Protein backbone atom coordinates (compact mmCIF):
# COMPACT_ATOMS: atom_id res chain seq x y z
CA MET A 1 -172.75 138.43 164.86
CA SER A 2 -173.73 135.34 163.02
CA ARG A 3 -171.88 135.68 159.23
CA SER A 4 -175.51 135.74 157.35
CA ALA A 5 -176.19 138.77 159.07
CA LEU A 6 -173.20 139.87 158.54
CA PHE A 7 -173.61 139.62 154.88
CA GLN A 8 -176.92 140.68 154.07
CA THR A 9 -177.76 142.89 151.99
CA PRO A 10 -178.10 145.61 152.28
CA LEU A 11 -177.31 145.07 155.79
CA SER A 12 -179.79 147.19 158.60
CA GLU A 13 -178.37 149.64 160.63
CA ARG A 14 -178.72 148.26 163.97
CA ALA A 15 -176.81 145.06 161.90
CA ARG A 16 -173.62 147.89 161.44
CA ILE A 17 -173.69 148.97 164.66
CA VAL A 18 -173.59 146.02 166.64
CA TYR A 19 -170.26 144.61 164.32
CA LEU A 20 -168.71 148.21 164.97
CA ARG A 21 -169.81 148.08 169.19
CA ASP A 22 -167.65 144.47 168.66
CA PHE A 23 -164.85 145.93 167.26
CA LEU A 24 -164.33 148.64 169.48
CA THR A 25 -165.17 146.30 172.25
CA TRP A 26 -161.97 144.34 171.20
CA LEU A 27 -160.26 147.51 171.06
CA TYR A 28 -160.44 148.60 174.34
CA ASP A 29 -160.07 145.12 175.64
CA ASP A 30 -157.56 144.90 178.71
CA ARG A 31 -157.80 141.85 179.75
CA SER A 32 -157.63 138.93 177.06
CA SER A 33 -154.79 136.78 176.47
CA GLU A 34 -153.07 137.98 173.58
CA GLU A 35 -154.29 134.01 171.88
CA GLU A 36 -158.54 135.49 172.97
CA LEU A 37 -157.63 138.91 171.27
CA ALA A 38 -156.85 136.41 168.01
CA GLU A 39 -159.10 134.64 168.28
CA GLN A 40 -161.93 137.59 168.78
CA LEU A 41 -160.41 139.66 166.33
CA TRP A 42 -160.21 137.07 163.40
CA ARG A 43 -164.06 136.35 164.59
CA TRP A 44 -165.37 139.16 164.16
CA PHE A 45 -163.55 139.76 160.63
CA GLY A 46 -165.30 137.06 159.61
CA GLY A 47 -168.74 137.47 161.04
CA PHE A 48 -168.21 134.54 162.68
CA PRO A 49 -171.03 133.38 165.71
CA ARG A 50 -170.44 133.72 169.47
CA GLY A 51 -169.78 130.35 171.29
CA PRO A 52 -168.20 127.54 169.99
CA LEU A 53 -167.68 126.58 167.05
CA ARG A 54 -167.37 123.24 164.31
CA GLY A 55 -166.85 122.23 161.76
CA LYS A 56 -165.43 124.76 158.91
CA TRP A 57 -165.73 127.60 160.92
CA ARG A 58 -163.71 126.14 163.16
CA ALA A 59 -160.98 125.12 160.66
CA GLU A 60 -160.93 128.43 159.60
CA ILE A 61 -160.64 129.90 162.63
CA ASP A 62 -157.72 127.71 163.40
CA LYS A 63 -156.21 128.66 160.14
CA HIS A 64 -155.89 132.20 160.27
CA LEU A 65 -154.83 131.41 164.73
CA SER A 66 -151.66 129.29 163.14
CA THR A 67 -150.48 131.85 160.61
CA THR A 68 -151.09 135.04 163.11
CA ARG A 69 -149.86 133.30 166.10
CA ASP A 70 -146.20 135.17 166.00
CA TRP A 71 -147.55 138.49 166.06
CA PRO A 72 -147.58 140.95 169.13
CA TRP A 73 -151.46 141.04 169.39
CA ARG A 74 -151.14 143.26 172.61
CA THR A 75 -148.82 146.07 170.08
CA PHE A 76 -151.01 145.63 167.12
CA GLN A 77 -154.40 146.32 169.09
CA ALA A 78 -152.42 149.80 170.27
CA GLU A 79 -151.74 150.29 167.10
CA LEU A 80 -155.38 149.98 165.66
CA ARG A 81 -156.47 151.93 168.60
CA ALA A 82 -154.56 154.44 167.82
CA ALA A 83 -154.86 155.36 164.30
CA LEU A 84 -158.80 154.68 164.50
CA GLU A 85 -158.74 157.20 167.49
CA GLY A 86 -156.57 159.68 165.15
CA LEU A 87 -158.62 159.36 162.78
CA TYR A 88 -161.69 160.09 164.85
CA ASP A 89 -160.16 163.28 166.76
CA GLY A 90 -159.43 164.67 162.92
CA ILE A 91 -155.74 164.26 163.10
CA ARG A 92 -154.72 164.64 158.72
CA ASN A 93 -151.62 163.00 159.23
CA THR A 94 -152.47 159.98 161.36
CA GLU A 95 -151.98 156.90 158.86
CA VAL A 96 -152.07 153.46 159.16
CA ARG A 97 -149.31 152.04 156.56
CA ALA A 98 -149.39 148.69 154.77
CA SER A 99 -146.23 147.25 153.55
CA GLN A 100 -148.35 147.40 150.38
CA PRO A 101 -151.09 149.18 149.55
CA ILE A 102 -154.96 148.06 149.52
CA ARG A 103 -156.20 146.49 147.09
CA PHE A 104 -159.69 146.52 145.85
CA THR A 105 -162.65 144.40 144.06
CA LEU A 106 -165.77 145.66 143.10
CA LYS A 107 -168.97 142.72 143.67
CA THR A 108 -172.14 142.04 143.46
CA TRP A 109 -174.12 140.38 145.69
CA PRO A 110 -178.20 138.90 145.34
CA SER A 111 -180.50 140.33 147.86
CA LYS A 112 -183.66 138.40 149.12
CA GLY A 113 -185.45 140.35 146.80
CA LYS A 114 -183.67 139.12 143.73
CA ARG A 115 -181.99 142.03 143.12
CA GLN A 116 -178.41 143.16 142.97
CA HIS A 117 -175.79 145.05 145.36
CA PHE A 118 -172.70 146.19 144.45
CA SER A 119 -170.18 145.76 147.59
CA LEU A 120 -166.46 146.90 147.37
CA GLN A 121 -164.41 144.89 149.46
CA PRO A 122 -160.21 144.49 150.08
CA VAL A 123 -158.10 142.27 148.64
CA LEU A 124 -157.29 140.73 151.55
CA PRO A 125 -153.97 140.25 151.94
CA ARG A 126 -151.57 137.28 150.87
CA ARG A 127 -148.99 137.85 153.40
CA ARG A 128 -149.99 137.43 157.29
CA ASP A 129 -148.37 140.17 158.72
CA GLN A 130 -149.90 142.54 160.39
CA ARG A 131 -148.91 145.56 158.54
CA ASP A 132 -150.63 144.29 155.72
CA TRP A 133 -153.91 143.43 157.85
CA ALA A 134 -154.14 146.44 160.12
CA PRO A 135 -155.59 148.73 157.28
CA VAL A 136 -158.22 146.01 156.17
CA PHE A 137 -159.42 145.86 159.92
CA LEU A 138 -159.87 149.61 159.86
CA PHE A 139 -161.46 149.53 156.08
CA ASP A 140 -164.26 147.20 157.09
CA PHE A 141 -165.01 148.84 160.53
CA LEU A 142 -165.29 152.28 158.27
CA SER A 143 -167.04 151.13 155.85
CA ASP A 144 -169.74 150.03 158.35
CA LEU A 145 -169.66 153.74 159.82
CA ASN A 146 -169.74 155.18 156.60
CA ASN A 147 -173.46 156.63 156.53
CA LEU A 148 -174.15 156.66 160.69
CA THR A 149 -175.07 159.28 161.81
CA LEU A 150 -172.36 161.31 163.62
CA GLY A 151 -173.64 160.68 166.62
CA ALA A 152 -173.27 157.34 166.76
CA MET A 153 -169.75 156.77 167.58
CA GLU A 154 -168.84 159.23 170.31
CA ARG A 155 -165.64 159.67 173.57
CA CYS A 156 -167.08 158.34 176.53
CA ALA A 157 -167.68 161.81 179.27
CA ARG A 158 -165.31 160.64 181.67
CA PRO A 159 -162.52 162.06 181.51
CA THR A 160 -159.70 160.10 182.97
CA CYS A 161 -161.06 157.01 180.40
CA ARG A 162 -162.20 158.50 177.22
CA HIS A 163 -162.69 155.94 175.24
CA LEU A 164 -164.48 155.71 171.97
CA PHE A 165 -167.96 153.77 171.78
CA ILE A 166 -170.87 153.25 169.52
CA ARG A 167 -174.24 154.03 170.99
CA LEU A 168 -177.69 153.81 169.15
CA ARG A 169 -179.95 156.91 169.99
CA ALA A 170 -177.96 160.10 169.92
CA LYS A 171 -176.94 161.79 173.31
CA ARG A 172 -178.53 158.75 175.24
CA ARG A 173 -175.52 157.33 176.48
CA LEU A 174 -172.35 159.92 177.67
CA TYR A 175 -170.61 156.85 178.95
CA CYS A 176 -168.98 153.72 177.38
CA SER A 177 -170.18 151.15 179.99
CA LYS A 178 -171.95 151.17 183.27
CA ARG A 179 -168.80 151.46 184.81
CA CYS A 180 -167.73 154.68 183.42
CA ARG A 181 -171.15 155.97 183.85
CA ASN A 182 -171.12 154.73 188.11
CA LEU A 183 -167.30 155.71 188.62
CA ALA A 184 -168.30 159.63 187.11
CA VAL A 185 -170.97 159.40 189.61
CA LEU A 186 -168.92 158.54 192.71
CA GLU A 187 -166.66 161.18 191.33
CA GLY A 188 -168.93 163.89 190.87
CA LEU A 189 -168.62 164.63 186.90
CA THR A 190 -172.10 162.99 186.03
CA ARG A 191 -174.55 165.23 183.59
CA ASN A 192 -177.90 164.44 182.97
CA GLU A 193 -178.78 161.61 180.57
């Protein structure tokens, strides 16, 4: 998603869904290397476009990558996934522990019609510790989930998968991917879509 679309105010429901899907794709990615996971997450968080980055965008991503190079990215990904799934499943005692609580700031964003919109944003941690950043990433994801219909996020209907996924139309998709749908057909578990 491009930075201009990300910071368009108010953000359209479709743009928010694309942003949410990108995060969930990252959350369940088991094929990328740790370096690729790091770049994908920083691109998602910054709203950088797909494809090659140049100039100040490349420099911004490189700055984040160099300061978080030592993070255990697979472990960090698994912790974020567990925290989000716990929240989704309604487990009340699930929490992501930060070494310091998240602070927020209230800003305003001008829209095309010269109207001002409020934006509640976390103050970004100064330290480059994954325990400080985990709640910020989850807050960013969950704030875009705010006011979407309950059916926008669902678990995959294939019992051996159970990944969370975002869908545009409620009750339209039952599986997180075509692969899961095809495997469900082979396993004899399909339901009418």
